[in-house]
Amino acid sequence: MMVLKFRNLDIDPTDPIDTWGVEGILAAIDRGDLRDWRRIGSRLRAQPRGKVAGDLQEVLSLVETPAMVNLFTDLLARAKSRQQQRERETVVGLLRSALQSSGLTRADFAARLGTSGSRLSTYLTGKVMPSATLLVRAANVAVRELEEATPPRPQG
């Protein structure tokens, strides 16, 4: 197995991939091996919109081997897709939590949000992503309903 070496760079292949930059990633793709490619893939999965992903986008226009371009393009696309799915699940979870905390029925909750029950259903299943404004509104409705349902504490 060949060990990757960087030429004309002030970094070492054992350094964090975030420090490699475009030249280091290009060298790893062109002259590295599976271990190096796995490290890049692992970083992409951890931060699909991070520095390494940005550097990789530039690198892909410089790589001469079509199979490597396809491999890393696919890795980046899958990493972004997985992240997007996790984000969608988080949004759905926040909305469901607000609904549950409010103590309202779906129909009443939807009405307080200014939307229909069927549209709320698409938000709760993740088929449609609500706007940030609607998420803030949902949190506010949940807080208001919780405050109204909680009896005031006796003073004194």
Protein backbone atom coordinates (compact mmCIF):
# COMPACT_ATOMS: atom_id res chain seq x y z
CA MET A 1 0.00 0.00 0.00
CA MET A 2 1.29 3.40 -0.97
CA VAL A 3 1.34 6.13 1.65
CA LEU A 4 0.02 9.48 0.51
CA LYS A 5 2.57 12.27 0.46
CA PHE A 6 1.85 15.92 -0.22
CA ARG A 7 4.24 17.81 -2.49
CA ASN A 8 4.83 21.52 -2.05
CA LEU A 9 2.34 21.78 0.83
CA ASP A 10 3.10 22.81 4.42
CA ILE A 11 0.75 20.16 5.77
CA ASP A 12 0.92 16.42 6.27
CA PRO A 13 -1.68 13.85 5.16
CA THR A 14 -2.11 12.89 8.83
CA ASP A 15 -3.32 16.43 9.60
CA PRO A 16 -7.10 17.01 9.82
CA ILE A 17 -8.69 16.99 6.38
CA ASP A 18 -10.10 20.48 7.00
CA THR A 19 -6.48 21.74 6.73
CA TRP A 20 -5.75 20.02 3.41
CA GLY A 21 -7.40 22.57 1.18
CA VAL A 22 -8.02 22.06 -2.51
CA GLU A 23 -4.46 20.92 -3.29
CA GLY A 24 -4.39 18.33 -0.51
CA ILE A 25 -7.78 16.86 -1.42
CA LEU A 26 -6.80 16.77 -5.09
CA ALA A 27 -3.59 14.92 -4.21
CA ALA A 28 -5.52 12.46 -2.04
CA ILE A 29 -7.98 11.71 -4.82
CA ASP A 30 -5.32 11.45 -7.53
CA ARG A 31 -2.53 9.69 -5.61
CA GLY A 32 -4.14 8.41 -2.43
CA ASP A 33 -5.81 5.13 -1.71
CA LEU A 34 -8.99 3.80 -0.12
CA ARG A 35 -7.93 4.92 3.38
CA ASP A 36 -7.56 8.51 2.21
CA TRP A 37 -10.82 8.43 0.28
CA ARG A 38 -12.63 7.03 3.32
CA ARG A 39 -11.32 9.89 5.43
CA ILE A 40 -12.69 12.38 2.92
CA GLY A 41 -16.01 10.51 2.79
CA SER A 42 -16.23 10.45 6.58
CA ARG A 43 -15.71 14.22 6.74
CA LEU A 44 -18.35 14.76 4.06
CA ARG A 45 -20.86 12.70 6.05
CA ALA A 46 -20.10 14.71 9.19
CA GLN A 47 -20.33 18.10 7.46
CA PRO A 48 -21.80 17.86 3.96
CA ARG A 49 -21.86 21.64 3.63
CA GLY A 50 -18.60 22.32 5.44
CA LYS A 51 -15.14 23.42 4.31
CA VAL A 52 -14.09 20.02 2.96
CA ALA A 53 -17.30 19.79 0.90
CA GLY A 54 -16.64 23.25 -0.52
CA ASP A 55 -13.05 22.38 -1.34
CA LEU A 56 -14.17 19.11 -2.89
CA GLN A 57 -16.58 20.97 -5.20
CA GLU A 58 -13.60 22.85 -6.61
CA VAL A 59 -11.45 19.72 -6.74
CA LEU A 60 -14.02 17.84 -8.81
CA SER A 61 -13.50 20.23 -11.71
CA LEU A 62 -9.77 19.41 -11.62
CA VAL A 63 -9.86 15.62 -11.26
CA GLU A 64 -9.02 13.89 -14.53
CA THR A 65 -10.40 10.43 -13.76
CA PRO A 66 -14.15 10.31 -14.54
CA ALA A 67 -14.71 7.38 -12.14
CA MET A 68 -13.27 9.41 -9.25
CA VAL A 69 -15.38 12.42 -10.19
CA ASN A 70 -18.47 10.19 -10.19
CA LEU A 71 -17.52 8.55 -6.88
CA PHE A 72 -16.97 11.80 -4.99
CA THR A 73 -19.91 13.56 -6.63
CA ASP A 74 -22.11 10.69 -5.46
CA LEU A 75 -20.60 10.70 -1.96
CA LEU A 76 -21.24 14.42 -1.62
CA ALA A 77 -24.80 14.16 -2.95
CA ARG A 78 -25.64 11.29 -0.58
CA ALA A 79 -24.14 13.13 2.40
CA LYS A 80 -26.21 16.23 1.60
CA SER A 81 -29.33 14.12 1.12
CA ARG A 82 -28.86 12.39 4.49
CA GLN A 83 -28.34 15.72 6.21
CA GLN A 84 -31.45 17.14 4.57
CA GLN A 85 -33.47 14.13 5.73
CA ARG A 86 -32.22 14.61 9.32
CA GLU A 87 -33.14 18.29 9.13
CA ARG A 88 -36.63 17.44 7.86
CA GLU A 89 -37.06 14.99 10.74
CA THR A 90 -35.97 17.68 13.20
CA VAL A 91 -38.51 20.16 11.81
CA VAL A 92 -41.29 17.56 11.99
CA GLY A 93 -40.26 16.74 15.57
CA LEU A 94 -40.35 20.41 16.58
CA LEU A 95 -43.79 20.87 15.07
CA ARG A 96 -45.15 17.69 16.68
CA SER A 97 -43.72 18.78 20.02
CA ALA A 98 -45.40 22.17 19.72
CA LEU A 99 -48.72 20.50 18.87
CA GLN A 100 -48.46 18.12 21.82
CA SER A 101 -47.37 20.87 24.23
CA SER A 102 -50.26 23.07 23.19
CA GLY A 103 -52.83 20.48 24.26
CA LEU A 104 -54.96 21.51 21.28
CA THR A 105 -56.55 19.24 18.73
CA ARG A 106 -54.94 19.21 15.31
CA ALA A 107 -57.81 21.24 13.90
CA ASP A 108 -57.57 23.90 16.64
CA PHE A 109 -53.78 24.02 16.39
CA ALA A 110 -53.98 24.44 12.60
CA ALA A 111 -56.53 27.22 13.00
CA ARG A 112 -54.28 29.05 15.48
CA LEU A 113 -51.41 28.74 13.00
CA GLY A 114 -53.58 30.19 10.26
CA THR A 115 -53.47 27.06 8.13
CA SER A 116 -55.78 24.18 7.29
CA GLY A 117 -55.85 20.80 8.96
CA SER A 118 -54.78 19.12 5.74
CA ARG A 119 -51.80 21.45 5.33
CA LEU A 120 -50.81 20.82 8.96
CA SER A 121 -50.95 17.11 8.23
CA THR A 122 -48.47 17.53 5.35
CA TYR A 123 -46.14 19.38 7.73
CA LEU A 124 -46.45 16.69 10.41
CA THR A 125 -45.60 13.92 7.95
CA GLY A 126 -42.68 15.84 6.44
CA LYS A 127 -44.17 15.88 2.95
CA VAL A 128 -44.05 19.69 3.01
CA MET A 129 -41.65 21.80 5.05
CA PRO A 130 -43.21 24.72 6.87
CA SER A 131 -41.64 28.15 6.78
CA ALA A 132 -39.51 29.37 9.65
CA THR A 133 -42.30 31.83 10.43
CA LEU A 134 -44.80 29.02 10.86
CA LEU A 135 -42.41 27.17 13.20
CA VAL A 136 -42.05 30.28 15.35
CA ARG A 137 -45.83 30.70 15.31
CA ALA A 138 -46.27 27.06 16.38
CA ALA A 139 -43.86 27.51 19.28
CA ASN A 140 -45.70 30.68 20.34
CA VAL A 141 -49.09 28.94 20.20
CA ALA A 142 -47.73 26.08 22.32
CA VAL A 143 -46.31 28.49 24.92
CA ARG A 144 -49.51 30.57 25.06
CA GLU A 145 -51.70 27.51 25.46
CA LEU A 146 -49.43 26.12 28.15
CA GLU A 147 -49.46 29.42 30.02
CA GLU A 148 -53.27 29.65 29.81
CA ALA A 149 -53.64 26.08 31.04
CA THR A 150 -51.32 26.60 34.01
CA PRO A 151 -53.03 28.18 37.01
CA PRO A 152 -51.21 31.15 38.51
CA ARG A 153 -49.17 30.52 41.65
CA PRO A 154 -50.48 31.99 44.87
CA GLN A 155 -48.49 35.00 45.99
CA GLY A 156 -47.29 35.38 49.48
